[in-house]
C-alpha atoms as a PDB file:
ATOM      1  CA  UNK A   1     127.318  36.844  99.757  1.00  0.00           C
ATOM      2  CA  UNK A   2     124.726  38.383 102.080  1.00  0.00           C
ATOM      3  CA  UNK A   3     125.613  41.951 102.978  1.00  0.00           C
ATOM      4  CA  UNK A   4     124.418  44.004 105.898  1.00  0.00           C
ATOM      5  CA  UNK A   5     124.641  47.664 106.788  1.00  0.00           C
ATOM      6  CA  UNK A   6     126.489  48.912 109.844  1.00  0.00           C
ATOM      7  CA  UNK A   7     124.609  50.071 112.965  1.00  0.00           C
ATOM      8  CA  UNK A   8     124.119  53.629 111.667  1.00  0.00           C
ATOM      9  CA  UNK A   9     124.444  52.893 107.941  1.00  0.00           C
ATOM     10  CA  UNK A  10     126.692  55.932 107.780  1.00  0.00           C
ATOM     11  CA  UNK A  11     130.342  56.380 106.895  1.00  0.00           C
ATOM     12  CA  UNK A  12     130.987  56.807 110.620  1.00  0.00           C
ATOM     13  CA  UNK A  13     130.391  53.076 111.095  1.00  0.00           C
ATOM     14  CA  UNK A  14     134.038  52.993 109.989  1.00  0.00           C
ATOM     15  CA  UNK A  15     135.883  53.257 113.287  1.00  0.00           C
ATOM     16  CA  UNK A  16     137.990  56.385 113.634  1.00  0.00           C
ATOM     17  CA  UNK A  17     135.857  58.789 111.594  1.00  0.00           C
ATOM     18  CA  UNK A  18     133.526  61.641 112.512  1.00  0.00           C
ATOM     19  CA  UNK A  19     131.448  63.900 110.250  1.00  0.00           C
ATOM     20  CA  UNK A  20     130.420  67.502 110.676  1.00  0.00           C
ATOM     21  CA  UNK A  21     128.164  69.746 108.604  1.00  0.00           C
ATOM     22  CA  UNK A  22     127.545  73.466 108.310  1.00  0.00           C
ATOM     23  CA  UNK A  23     125.443  75.453 105.864  1.00  0.00           C
ATOM     24  CA  UNK A  24     124.384  78.938 104.799  1.00  0.00           C
ATOM     25  CA  UNK A  25     120.660  78.693 104.112  1.00  0.00           C
ATOM     26  CA  UNK A  26     120.486  82.045 102.348  1.00  0.00           C
ATOM     27  CA  UNK A  27     123.243  81.057  99.919  1.00  0.00           C
ATOM     28  CA  UNK A  28     121.896  77.484  99.604  1.00  0.00           C
ATOM     29  CA  UNK A  29     125.375  76.064 100.077  1.00  0.00           C
ATOM     30  CA  UNK A  30     127.462  74.360 102.720  1.00  0.00           C
ATOM     31  CA  UNK A  31     130.381  72.244 103.854  1.00  0.00           C
ATOM     32  CA  UNK A  32     130.810  68.659 105.037  1.00  0.00           C
ATOM     33  CA  UNK A  33     133.953  67.539 106.843  1.00  0.00           C
ATOM     34  CA  UNK A  34     135.237  64.058 107.677  1.00  0.00           C
ATOM     35  CA  UNK A  35     137.668  64.130 110.607  1.00  0.00           C
ATOM     36  CA  UNK A  36     140.083  61.270 111.246  1.00  0.00           C
ATOM     37  CA  UNK A  37     140.633  60.502 114.936  1.00  0.00           C
ATOM     38  CA  UNK A  38     144.134  59.374 113.983  1.00  0.00           C
ATOM     39  CA  UNK A  39     145.817  60.105 110.637  1.00  0.00           C
ATOM     40  CA  UNK A  40     144.372  57.884 107.897  1.00  0.00           C
ATOM     41  CA  UNK A  41     145.893  56.538 104.709  1.00  0.00           C
ATOM     42  CA  UNK A  42     144.316  58.367 101.779  1.00  0.00           C
ATOM     43  CA  UNK A  43     144.045  58.455  97.997  1.00  0.00           C
ATOM     44  CA  UNK A  44     141.890  60.039  95.314  1.00  0.00           C
ATOM     45  CA  UNK A  45     140.552  59.185  91.864  1.00  0.00           C
ATOM     46  CA  UNK A  46     139.179  61.887  89.560  1.00  0.00           C
ATOM     47  CA  UNK A  47     137.095  60.771  86.572  1.00  0.00           C
ATOM     48  CA  UNK A  48     135.037  63.878  85.849  1.00  0.00           C
ATOM     49  CA  UNK A  49     136.312  66.414  83.353  1.00  0.00           C
ATOM     50  CA  UNK A  50     135.869  69.567  85.456  1.00  0.00           C
ATOM     51  CA  UNK A  51     137.217  68.961  88.988  1.00  0.00           C
ATOM     52  CA  UNK A  52     137.965  71.523  91.693  1.00  0.00           C
ATOM     53  CA  UNK A  53     140.413  70.274  94.312  1.00  0.00           C
ATOM     54  CA  UNK A  54     142.998  71.145  96.938  1.00  0.00           C
ATOM     55  CA  UNK A  55     145.929  69.031  98.231  1.00  0.00           C
ATOM     56  CA  UNK A  56     145.235  66.069  95.950  1.00  0.00           C
ATOM     57  CA  UNK A  57     148.742  65.737  94.475  1.00  0.00           C
ATOM     58  CA  UNK A  58     150.136  64.669  97.857  1.00  0.00           C
ATOM     59  CA  UNK A  59     147.808  61.648  97.805  1.00  0.00           C
ATOM     60  CA  UNK A  60     149.748  60.003  94.968  1.00  0.00           C
ATOM     61  CA  UNK A  61     151.458  56.842  96.188  1.00  0.00           C
ATOM     62  CA  UNK A  62     154.921  58.145  95.245  1.00  0.00           C
ATOM     63  CA  UNK A  63     154.612  61.329  97.310  1.00  0.00           C
ATOM     64  CA  UNK A  64     155.873  61.786 100.858  1.00  0.00           C
ATOM     65  CA  UNK A  65     152.875  62.410 103.112  1.00  0.00           C
ATOM     66  CA  UNK A  66     151.212  59.048 103.829  1.00  0.00           C
ATOM     67  CA  UNK A  67     148.169  60.136 105.816  1.00  0.00           C
ATOM     68  CA  UNK A  68     145.613  62.929 106.195  1.00  0.00           C
ATOM     69  CA  UNK A  69     143.802  64.470 109.150  1.00  0.00           C
ATOM     70  CA  UNK A  70     140.533  65.378 107.453  1.00  0.00           C
ATOM     71  CA  UNK A  71     138.776  65.780 104.118  1.00  0.00           C
ATOM     72  CA  UNK A  72     136.485  68.675 103.246  1.00  0.00           C
ATOM     73  CA  UNK A  73     133.645  68.625 100.714  1.00  0.00           C
ATOM     74  CA  UNK A  74     132.055  71.965  99.859  1.00  0.00           C
ATOM     75  CA  UNK A  75     129.689  73.818  97.594  1.00  0.00           C
ATOM     76  CA  UNK A  76     130.578  77.171  96.126  1.00  0.00           C
ATOM     77  CA  UNK A  77     132.619  76.114  93.117  1.00  0.00           C
ATOM     78  CA  UNK A  78     136.216  77.385  93.438  1.00  0.00           C
ATOM     79  CA  UNK A  79     135.169  79.680  96.286  1.00  0.00           C
ATOM     80  CA  UNK A  80     134.408  76.583  98.369  1.00  0.00           C
ATOM     81  CA  UNK A  81     138.057  75.519  98.486  1.00  0.00           C
ATOM     82  CA  UNK A  82     138.380  78.032 101.348  1.00  0.00           C
ATOM     83  CA  UNK A  83     136.538  75.457 103.507  1.00  0.00           C
ATOM     84  CA  UNK A  84     139.755  73.497 104.002  1.00  0.00           C
ATOM     85  CA  UNK A  85     141.385  76.549 105.601  1.00  0.00           C
ATOM     86  CA  UNK A  86     138.652  76.647 108.226  1.00  0.00           C
ATOM     87  CA  UNK A  87     139.089  72.951 108.941  1.00  0.00           C
ATOM     88  CA  UNK A  88     142.842  73.481 109.226  1.00  0.00           C
ATOM     89  CA  UNK A  89     142.274  76.262 111.735  1.00  0.00           C
ATOM     90  CA  UNK A  90     140.057  74.045 113.893  1.00  0.00           C
ATOM     91  CA  UNK A  91     142.590  71.209 113.848  1.00  0.00           C
ATOM     92  CA  UNK A  92     145.584  73.467 114.490  1.00  0.00           C
ATOM     93  CA  UNK A  93     143.875  74.812 117.596  1.00  0.00           C
ATOM     94  CA  UNK A  94     143.822  71.202 118.837  1.00  0.00           C
ATOM     95  CA  UNK A  95     147.463  70.561 117.920  1.00  0.00           C
ATOM     96  CA  UNK A  96     146.487  68.084 115.189  1.00  0.00           C
ATOM     97  CA  UNK A  97     148.526  67.805 112.011  1.00  0.00           C
ATOM     98  CA  UNK A  98     151.732  66.787 110.278  1.00  0.00           C
ATOM     99  CA  UNK A  99     154.706  67.689 112.456  1.00  0.00           C
ATOM    100  CA  UNK A 100     157.625  69.545 110.866  1.00  0.00           C
ATOM    101  CA  UNK A 101     160.043  70.313 113.722  1.00  0.00           C
ATOM    102  CA  UNK A 102     158.035  72.627 115.963  1.00  0.00           C
ATOM    103  CA  UNK A 103     155.272  73.334 113.433  1.00  0.00           C
ATOM    104  CA  UNK A 104     151.974  71.472 113.109  1.00  0.00           C
ATOM    105  CA  UNK A 105     150.377  71.467 109.664  1.00  0.00           C
ATOM    106  CA  UNK A 106     146.922  69.825 109.378  1.00  0.00           C
ATOM    107  CA  UNK A 107     146.590  67.904 106.111  1.00  0.00           C
ATOM    108  CA  UNK A 108     143.115  68.563 104.684  1.00  0.00           C
ATOM    109  CA  UNK A 109     142.486  67.679 101.024  1.00  0.00           C
ATOM    110  CA  UNK A 110     139.290  69.155  99.634  1.00  0.00           C
ATOM    111  CA  UNK A 111     136.924  69.070  96.679  1.00  0.00           C
ATOM    112  CA  UNK A 112     134.095  71.328  95.572  1.00  0.00           C
ATOM    113  CA  UNK A 113     130.865  71.141  93.619  1.00  0.00           C
ATOM    114  CA  UNK A 114     129.100  73.825  91.592  1.00  0.00           C
ATOM    115  CA  UNK A 115     125.944  75.111  93.292  1.00  0.00           C
ATOM    116  CA  UNK A 116     126.085  78.726  92.150  1.00  0.00           C
ATOM    117  CA  UNK A 117     122.884  78.584  90.039  1.00  0.00           C
ATOM    118  CA  UNK A 118     120.503  76.927  92.510  1.00  0.00           C
ATOM    119  CA  UNK A 119     118.379  79.872  93.568  1.00  0.00           C
ATOM    120  CA  UNK A 120     120.532  80.870  96.551  1.00  0.00           C
ATOM    121  CA  UNK A 121     121.856  84.384  97.192  1.00  0.00           C
ATOM    122  CA  UNK A 122     125.570  84.324  96.367  1.00  0.00           C
ATOM    123  CA  UNK A 123     126.043  88.070  96.943  1.00  0.00           C
ATOM    124  CA  UNK A 124     128.139  87.420 100.046  1.00  0.00           C
ATOM    125  CA  UNK A 125     130.384  90.481  99.812  1.00  0.00           C
ATOM    126  CA  UNK A 126     134.168  90.545  99.578  1.00  0.00           C
ATOM    127  CA  UNK A 127     134.828  87.093 101.028  1.00  0.00           C
ATOM    128  CA  UNK A 128     132.766  83.918 100.661  1.00  0.00           C
ATOM    129  CA  UNK A 129     131.544  82.127 103.813  1.00  0.00           C
ATOM    130  CA  UNK A 130     133.302  78.801 103.267  1.00  0.00           C
ATOM    131  CA  UNK A 131     136.291  79.252 105.589  1.00  0.00           C
ATOM    132  CA  UNK A 132     133.953  79.868 108.515  1.00  0.00           C
ATOM    133  CA  UNK A 133     131.630  77.076 107.405  1.00  0.00           C
ATOM    134  CA  UNK A 134     134.606  74.707 107.304  1.00  0.00           C
ATOM    135  CA  UNK A 135     135.557  75.696 110.841  1.00  0.00           C
ATOM    136  CA  UNK A 136     131.990  75.277 112.090  1.00  0.00           C
ATOM    137  CA  UNK A 137     131.643  71.890 110.397  1.00  0.00           C
ATOM    138  CA  UNK A 138     134.842  70.649 112.033  1.00  0.00           C
ATOM    139  CA  UNK A 139     133.620  71.824 115.436  1.00  0.00           C
ATOM    140  CA  UNK A 140     130.300  70.027 114.933  1.00  0.00           C
ATOM    141  CA  UNK A 141     131.775  66.661 113.947  1.00  0.00           C
ATOM    142  CA  UNK A 142     130.326  63.522 115.505  1.00  0.00           C
ATOM    143  CA  UNK A 143     129.298  59.967 114.673  1.00  0.00           C
ATOM    144  CA  UNK A 144     125.660  60.713 113.865  1.00  0.00           C
ATOM    145  CA  UNK A 145     124.538  63.206 111.231  1.00  0.00           C
ATOM    146  CA  UNK A 146     121.566  63.888 108.994  1.00  0.00           C
ATOM    147  CA  UNK A 147     121.289  63.247 105.259  1.00  0.00           C
ATOM    148  CA  UNK A 148     119.791  65.220 102.399  1.00  0.00           C
ATOM    149  CA  UNK A 149     119.719  69.010 102.386  1.00  0.00           C
ATOM    150  CA  UNK A 150     122.644  69.538 104.709  1.00  0.00           C
ATOM    151  CA  UNK A 151     126.351  70.329 104.562  1.00  0.00           C
ATOM    152  CA  UNK A 152     127.878  70.092 101.095  1.00  0.00           C
ATOM    153  CA  UNK A 153     124.563  68.722  99.852  1.00  0.00           C
ATOM    154  CA  UNK A 154     122.581  71.813 100.874  1.00  0.00           C
ATOM    155  CA  UNK A 155     122.388  73.297  97.406  1.00  0.00           C
ATOM    156  CA  UNK A 156     123.036  70.213  95.316  1.00  0.00           C
ATOM    157  CA  UNK A 157     120.912  69.463  92.259  1.00  0.00           C
ATOM    158  CA  UNK A 158     120.593  66.605  89.758  1.00  0.00           C
ATOM    159  CA  UNK A 159     118.799  66.285  86.426  1.00  0.00           C
ATOM    160  CA  UNK A 160     115.239  66.946  87.546  1.00  0.00           C
ATOM    161  CA  UNK A 161     115.513  66.673  91.336  1.00  0.00           C
ATOM    162  CA  UNK A 162     117.292  68.269  94.261  1.00  0.00           C
ATOM    163  CA  UNK A 163     120.438  66.385  95.183  1.00  0.00           C
ATOM    164  CA  UNK A 164     121.791  66.059  98.676  1.00  0.00           C
ATOM    165  CA  UNK A 165     124.264  64.535 101.100  1.00  0.00           C
ATOM    166  CA  UNK A 166     124.115  60.747 101.254  1.00  0.00           C
ATOM    167  CA  UNK A 167     125.876  58.063 103.241  1.00  0.00           C
ATOM    168  CA  UNK A 168     125.801  54.294 103.733  1.00  0.00           C
ATOM    169  CA  UNK A 169     127.907  51.474 105.157  1.00  0.00           C
ATOM    170  CA  UNK A 170     128.476  47.767 104.631  1.00  0.00           C
ATOM    171  CA  UNK A 171     129.906  45.186 107.035  1.00  0.00           C
ATOM    172  CA  UNK A 172     131.631  42.324 105.221  1.00  0.00           C
ATOM    173  CA  UNK A 173     131.732  38.731 106.504  1.00  0.00           C
ATOM    174  CA  UNK A 174     135.444  39.085 107.334  1.00  0.00           C
ATOM    175  CA  UNK A 175     134.619  41.900 109.778  1.00  0.00           C
ATOM    176  CA  UNK A 176     135.773  44.802 107.607  1.00  0.00           C
ATOM    177  CA  UNK A 177     133.481  47.831 107.309  1.00  0.00           C
ATOM    178  CA  UNK A 178     133.195  49.964 104.184  1.00  0.00           C
ATOM    179  CA  UNK A 179     131.437  53.332 104.303  1.00  0.00           C
ATOM    180  CA  UNK A 180     130.595  56.045 101.784  1.00  0.00           C
ATOM    181  CA  UNK A 181     129.724  59.732 101.963  1.00  0.00           C
ATOM    182  CA  UNK A 182     128.668  61.713  98.900  1.00  0.00           C
ATOM    183  CA  UNK A 183     127.374  65.125  97.879  1.00  0.00           C
ATOM    184  CA  UNK A 184     125.196  64.400  94.842  1.00  0.00           C
ATOM    185  CA  UNK A 185     125.183  67.284  92.373  1.00  0.00           C
ATOM    186  CA  UNK A 186     125.272  65.330  89.133  1.00  0.00           C
ATOM    187  CA  UNK A 187     124.747  66.242  85.506  1.00  0.00           C
ATOM    188  CA  UNK A 188     122.724  63.048  85.238  1.00  0.00           C
ATOM    189  CA  UNK A 189     119.665  61.547  86.880  1.00  0.00           C
ATOM    190  CA  UNK A 190     119.607  59.137  89.840  1.00  0.00           C
ATOM    191  CA  UNK A 191     116.172  57.801  88.946  1.00  0.00           C
ATOM    192  CA  UNK A 192     115.021  55.640  86.048  1.00  0.00           C
ATOM    193  CA  UNK A 193     113.570  58.169  83.608  1.00  0.00           C
ATOM    194  CA  UNK A 194     111.162  60.455  85.435  1.00  0.00           C
ATOM    195  CA  UNK A 195     110.009  57.695  87.801  1.00  0.00           C
ATOM    196  CA  UNK A 196     110.602  57.452  91.550  1.00  0.00           C
ATOM    197  CA  UNK A 197     112.704  54.311  91.082  1.00  0.00           C
ATOM    198  CA  UNK A 198     116.434  54.626  91.736  1.00  0.00           C
ATOM    199  CA  UNK A 199     119.098  53.277  89.396  1.00  0.00           C
ATOM    200  CA  UNK A 200     120.822  51.994  92.564  1.00  0.00           C
ATOM    201  CA  UNK A 201     117.870  49.697  93.385  1.00  0.00           C
ATOM    202  CA  UNK A 202     119.692  46.328  93.078  1.00  0.00           C
ATOM    203  CA  UNK A 203     122.035  47.297  95.923  1.00  0.00           C
ATOM    204  CA  UNK A 204     119.426  48.596  98.378  1.00  0.00           C
ATOM    205  CA  UNK A 205     119.476  47.144 101.904  1.00  0.00           C
ATOM    206  CA  UNK A 206     116.463  47.136 104.226  1.00  0.00           C
ATOM    207  CA  UNK A 207     114.356  49.432 101.991  1.00  0.00           C
ATOM    208  CA  UNK A 208     116.679  52.288 102.917  1.00  0.00           C
ATOM    209  CA  UNK A 209     115.588  54.471  99.983  1.00  0.00           C
ATOM    210  CA  UNK A 210     112.001  53.374  99.552  1.00  0.00           C
ATOM    211  CA  UNK A 211     112.261  49.700  98.590  1.00  0.00           C
ATOM    212  CA  UNK A 212     110.751  50.349  95.170  1.00  0.00           C
ATOM    213  CA  UNK A 213     113.120  48.230  93.100  1.00  0.00           C
ATOM    214  CA  UNK A 214     113.182  48.756  89.350  1.00  0.00           C
ATOM    215  CA  UNK A 215     110.009  49.728  87.487  1.00  0.00           C
ATOM    216  CA  UNK A 216     108.333  46.947  85.523  1.00  0.00           C
ATOM    217  CA  UNK A 217     108.152  47.410  82.659  1.00  0.00           C
ATOM    218  CA  UNK A 218     110.971  49.869  82.243  1.00  0.00           C
ATOM    219  CA  UNK A 219     109.637  53.280  81.169  1.00  0.00           C
ATOM    220  CA  UNK A 220     110.187  54.366  77.575  1.00  0.00           C
ATOM    221  CA  UNK A 221     112.422  57.235  78.748  1.00  0.00           C
ATOM    222  CA  UNK A 222     114.725  55.053  80.874  1.00  0.00           C
ATOM    223  CA  UNK A 223     117.738  55.599  78.610  1.00  0.00           C
ATOM    224  CA  UNK A 224     116.986  59.229  77.815  1.00  0.00           C
ATOM    225  CA  UNK A 225     119.631  61.778  78.776  1.00  0.00           C
ATOM    226  CA  UNK A 226     117.825  64.526  80.693  1.00  0.00           C
ATOM    227  CA  UNK A 227     119.305  68.008  80.932  1.00  0.00           C
ATOM    228  CA  UNK A 228     119.940  69.439  84.372  1.00  0.00           C
ATOM    229  CA  UNK A 229     119.489  72.980  83.051  1.00  0.00           C
ATOM    230  CA  UNK A 230     118.026  74.189  79.769  1.00  0.00           C
ATOM    231  CA  UNK A 231     120.527  77.041  79.378  1.00  0.00           C
ATOM    232  CA  UNK A 232     123.458  75.985  77.222  1.00  0.00           C
ATOM    233  CA  UNK A 233     125.929  78.146  79.153  1.00  0.00           C
ATOM    234  CA  UNK A 234     125.292  76.265  82.401  1.00  0.00           C
ATOM    235  CA  UNK A 235     126.503  72.860  81.205  1.00  0.00           C
ATOM    236  CA  UNK A 236     129.416  72.888  83.648  1.00  0.00           C
ATOM    237  CA  UNK A 237     127.236  73.465  86.743  1.00  0.00           C
ATOM    238  CA  UNK A 238     127.683  69.977  88.152  1.00  0.00           C
ATOM    239  CA  UNK A 239     129.903  67.498  90.083  1.00  0.00           C
ATOM    240  CA  UNK A 240     129.425  64.596  92.483  1.00  0.00           C
ATOM    241  CA  UNK A 241     132.099  64.475  95.170  1.00  0.00           C
ATOM    242  CA  UNK A 242     132.496  61.577  97.565  1.00  0.00           C
ATOM    243  CA  UNK A 243     134.557  59.724 100.135  1.00  0.00           C
ATOM    244  CA  UNK A 244     134.819  55.949 100.475  1.00  0.00           C
ATOM    245  CA  UNK A 245     136.304  54.704 103.733  1.00  0.00           C
ATOM    246  CA  UNK A 246     137.259  51.469 105.437  1.00  0.00           C
ATOM    247  CA  UNK A 247     138.661  50.250 108.735  1.00  0.00           C
ATOM    248  CA  UNK A 248     140.870  47.768 106.850  1.00  0.00           C
ATOM    249  CA  UNK A 249     144.641  48.196 106.745  1.00  0.00           C
ATOM    250  CA  UNK A 250     145.561  49.548 103.286  1.00  0.00           C
ATOM    251  CA  UNK A 251     148.598  50.994 101.565  1.00  0.00           C
ATOM    252  CA  UNK A 252     148.227  54.226  99.589  1.00  0.00           C
ATOM    253  CA  UNK A 253     148.181  52.164  96.392  1.00  0.00           C
ATOM    254  CA  UNK A 254     145.390  49.921  97.710  1.00  0.00           C
ATOM    255  CA  UNK A 255     143.461  53.012  98.841  1.00  0.00           C
ATOM    256  CA  UNK A 256     143.746  54.336  95.287  1.00  0.00           C
ATOM    257  CA  UNK A 257     142.207  51.099  94.037  1.00  0.00           C
ATOM    258  CA  UNK A 258     139.408  51.548  96.595  1.00  0.00           C
ATOM    259  CA  UNK A 259     138.658  55.015  95.196  1.00  0.00           C
ATOM    260  CA  UNK A 260     138.631  53.631  91.650  1.00  0.00           C
ATOM    261  CA  UNK A 261     136.223  50.865  92.653  1.00  0.00           C
ATOM    262  CA  UNK A 262     133.875  53.337  94.341  1.00  0.00           C
ATOM    263  CA  UNK A 263     133.452  55.151  91.033  1.00  0.00           C
ATOM    264  CA  UNK A 264     131.631  52.029  89.842  1.00  0.00           C
ATOM    265  CA  UNK A 265     128.978  53.034  92.371  1.00  0.00           C
ATOM    266  CA  UNK A 266     128.597  56.334  90.518  1.00  0.00           C
ATOM    267  CA  UNK A 267     127.981  54.430  87.283  1.00  0.00           C
ATOM    268  CA  UNK A 268     125.349  52.192  88.899  1.00  0.00           C
ATOM    269  CA  UNK A 269     123.484  55.110  90.512  1.00  0.00           C
ATOM    270  CA  UNK A 270     123.689  58.026  88.045  1.00  0.00           C
ATOM    271  CA  UNK A 271     122.903  58.237  84.316  1.00  0.00           C
ATOM    272  CA  UNK A 272     124.949  59.656  82.664  1.00  0.00           C
ATOM    273  CA  UNK A 273     128.054  60.186  84.803  1.00  0.00           C
ATOM    274  CA  UNK A 274     131.747  61.143  84.443  1.00  0.00           C
ATOM    275  CA  UNK A 275     130.942  63.646  81.703  1.00  0.00           C
ATOM    276  CA  UNK A 276     133.300  66.465  80.660  1.00  0.00           C
ATOM    277  CA  UNK A 277     131.026  68.813  82.607  1.00  0.00           C
ATOM    278  CA  UNK A 278     131.266  66.977  85.948  1.00  0.00           C
ATOM    279  CA  UNK A 279     134.148  67.154  88.394  1.00  0.00           C
ATOM    280  CA  UNK A 280     133.345  63.676  89.699  1.00  0.00           C
ATOM    281  CA  UNK A 281     135.875  62.390  92.194  1.00  0.00           C
ATOM    282  CA  UNK A 282     136.218  59.964  95.087  1.00  0.00           C
ATOM    283  CA  UNK A 283     138.600  60.252  98.017  1.00  0.00           C
ATOM    284  CA  UNK A 284     139.508  57.036  99.830  1.00  0.00           C
ATOM    285  CA  UNK A 285     140.330  56.767 103.536  1.00  0.00           C
ATOM    286  CA  UNK A 286     141.675  53.732 105.382  1.00  0.00           C
ATOM    287  CA  UNK A 287     141.776  54.087 109.165  1.00  0.00           C
ATOM    288  CA  UNK A 288     143.189  50.594 109.782  1.00  0.00           C
ATOM    289  CA  UNK A 289     141.176  50.471 113.010  1.00  0.00           C
ATOM    290  CA  UNK A 290     140.071  46.864 112.462  1.00  0.00           C
ATOM    291  CA  UNK A 291     143.652  45.639 112.143  1.00  0.00           C
ATOM    292  CA  UNK A 292     142.480  43.434 109.245  1.00  0.00           C
ATOM    293  CA  UNK A 293     144.406  43.238 105.991  1.00  0.00           C
ATOM    294  CA  UNK A 294     142.256  42.309 102.997  1.00  0.00           C
ATOM    295  CA  UNK A 295     143.519  38.977 101.688  1.00  0.00           C
ATOM    296  CA  UNK A 296     143.282  37.580  98.190  1.00  0.00           C
ATOM    297  CA  UNK A 297     140.173  35.553  99.026  1.00  0.00           C
ATOM    298  CA  UNK A 298     138.275  38.690 100.062  1.00  0.00           C
ATOM    299  CA  UNK A 299     139.632  41.326  97.706  1.00  0.00           C
ATOM    300  CA  UNK A 300     136.910  41.132  95.029  1.00  0.00           C
ATOM    301  CA  UNK A 301     134.103  41.315  97.591  1.00  0.00           C
ATOM    302  CA  UNK A 302     135.876  44.232  99.281  1.00  0.00           C
ATOM    303  CA  UNK A 303     136.096  46.358  96.163  1.00  0.00           C
ATOM    304  CA  UNK A 304     132.589  45.361  95.080  1.00  0.00           C
ATOM    305  CA  UNK A 305     131.347  46.622  98.448  1.00  0.00           C
ATOM    306  CA  UNK A 306     132.977  49.981  97.745  1.00  0.00           C
ATOM    307  CA  UNK A 307     130.845  50.301  94.600  1.00  0.00           C
ATOM    308  CA  UNK A 308     127.573  49.052  96.079  1.00  0.00           C
ATOM    309  CA  UNK A 309     127.922  51.167  99.221  1.00  0.00           C
ATOM    310  CA  UNK A 310     128.577  54.265  97.135  1.00  0.00           C
ATOM    311  CA  UNK A 311     125.544  53.580  94.935  1.00  0.00           C
ATOM    312  CA  UNK A 312     123.347  53.279  98.024  1.00  0.00           C
ATOM    313  CA  UNK A 313     124.736  56.511  99.481  1.00  0.00           C
ATOM    314  CA  UNK A 314     123.909  58.389  96.268  1.00  0.00           C
ATOM    315  CA  UNK A 315     120.290  57.234  96.292  1.00  0.00           C
ATOM    316  CA  UNK A 316     119.910  57.979 100.000  1.00  0.00           C
ATOM    317  CA  UNK A 317     121.194  61.528  99.544  1.00  0.00           C
ATOM    318  CA  UNK A 318     118.612  62.366  96.900  1.00  0.00           C
ATOM    319  CA  UNK A 319     115.788  60.535  98.653  1.00  0.00           C
ATOM    320  CA  UNK A 320     116.429  62.495 101.878  1.00  0.00           C
ATOM    321  CA  UNK A 321     116.478  65.954 100.279  1.00  0.00           C
ATOM    322  CA  UNK A 322     114.007  68.437 101.747  1.00  0.00           C
ATOM    323  CA  UNK A 323     112.288  71.431 100.187  1.00  0.00           C
ATOM    324  CA  UNK A 324     113.352  74.974 101.030  1.00  0.00           C
ATOM    325  CA  UNK A 325     112.176  78.447  99.982  1.00  0.00           C
ATOM    326  CA  UNK A 326     113.562  79.522  96.629  1.00  0.00           C
ATOM    327  CA  UNK A 327     114.210  76.003  95.323  1.00  0.00           C
ATOM    328  CA  UNK A 328     114.397  75.697  91.546  1.00  0.00           C
ATOM    329  CA  UNK A 329     113.885  71.916  91.511  1.00  0.00           C
ATOM    330  CA  UNK A 330     111.511  69.577  93.365  1.00  0.00           C
ATOM    331  CA  UNK A 331     112.544  66.985  95.935  1.00  0.00           C
ATOM    332  CA  UNK A 332     112.238  63.248  95.353  1.00  0.00           C
ATOM    333  CA  UNK A 333     109.465  62.854  97.939  1.00  0.00           C
ATOM    334  CA  UNK A 334     107.215  65.117  95.839  1.00  0.00           C
ATOM    335  CA  UNK A 335     107.593  63.041  92.673  1.00  0.00           C
ATOM    336  CA  UNK A 336     104.638  60.881  91.649  1.00  0.00           C
ATOM    337  CA  UNK A 337     104.684  57.521  89.883  1.00  0.00           C
END
């Protein structure tokens, strides 16, 4: 099956979604928000051992609320969960949310990554900046957005390189679009050993992250587990958080399966992944904007696209990272060989 990217090769190629970013350069941290033009079916799958989340229980298929209005991804460890409150405020001002009699309650699940040890100044005073960053990100939402050192990816790091915010999309032959958005802050490495070659290389479309393929021969350190930090007490300073989305019509249970499948993209793009020290998770969103239900003949290709699109998004996020004053790790573009 020949795959192609959407027009923007961003998650916003999925009709009904917009993305906004905001960051605090001094703190080296930020927030990314996905807004749903109409409420979207949602689910989540957590496979990392150290997650930080808000409003994820309601996404279980047996629970009452079927749809969400937005999803927030943030840095700041547990402090970053405040970002969802800022997004809620922005949506409430617009009268967007779950109606309970005369009250409107925006539904905004959220997840955070740990970027507290990245060289940024976290001495922000009594209250962290994430509520305001969440509000600003929601106000800035649109179809086009930058990748790399932006939003929730502002302070992200991986084993040996700066991480970043990545995104990609795939249009399937049946007309369904699958998109991914990810803040890459992994324990593991996204490149083969210390080379410039990405583990996600087999899934690359149109040389979107350098067109380098796999190294030949494979380097001797390809299977080595590199440490993100040398200090033993910083082992939990990680987490890759992501959203996979589609314009197909899905139930909550099928959206859960979509989130599970997208984790396969983590495994094809990061080594190692899903460790006890990562909070790795994937939210799934189904806008239903295409009106297409995924039939039995297409279901394997559909879930495979979730994995391949996520793998591409991870590589793109790291490849697009840019250097900033005070960085403690180099960017991919500075790596040789």
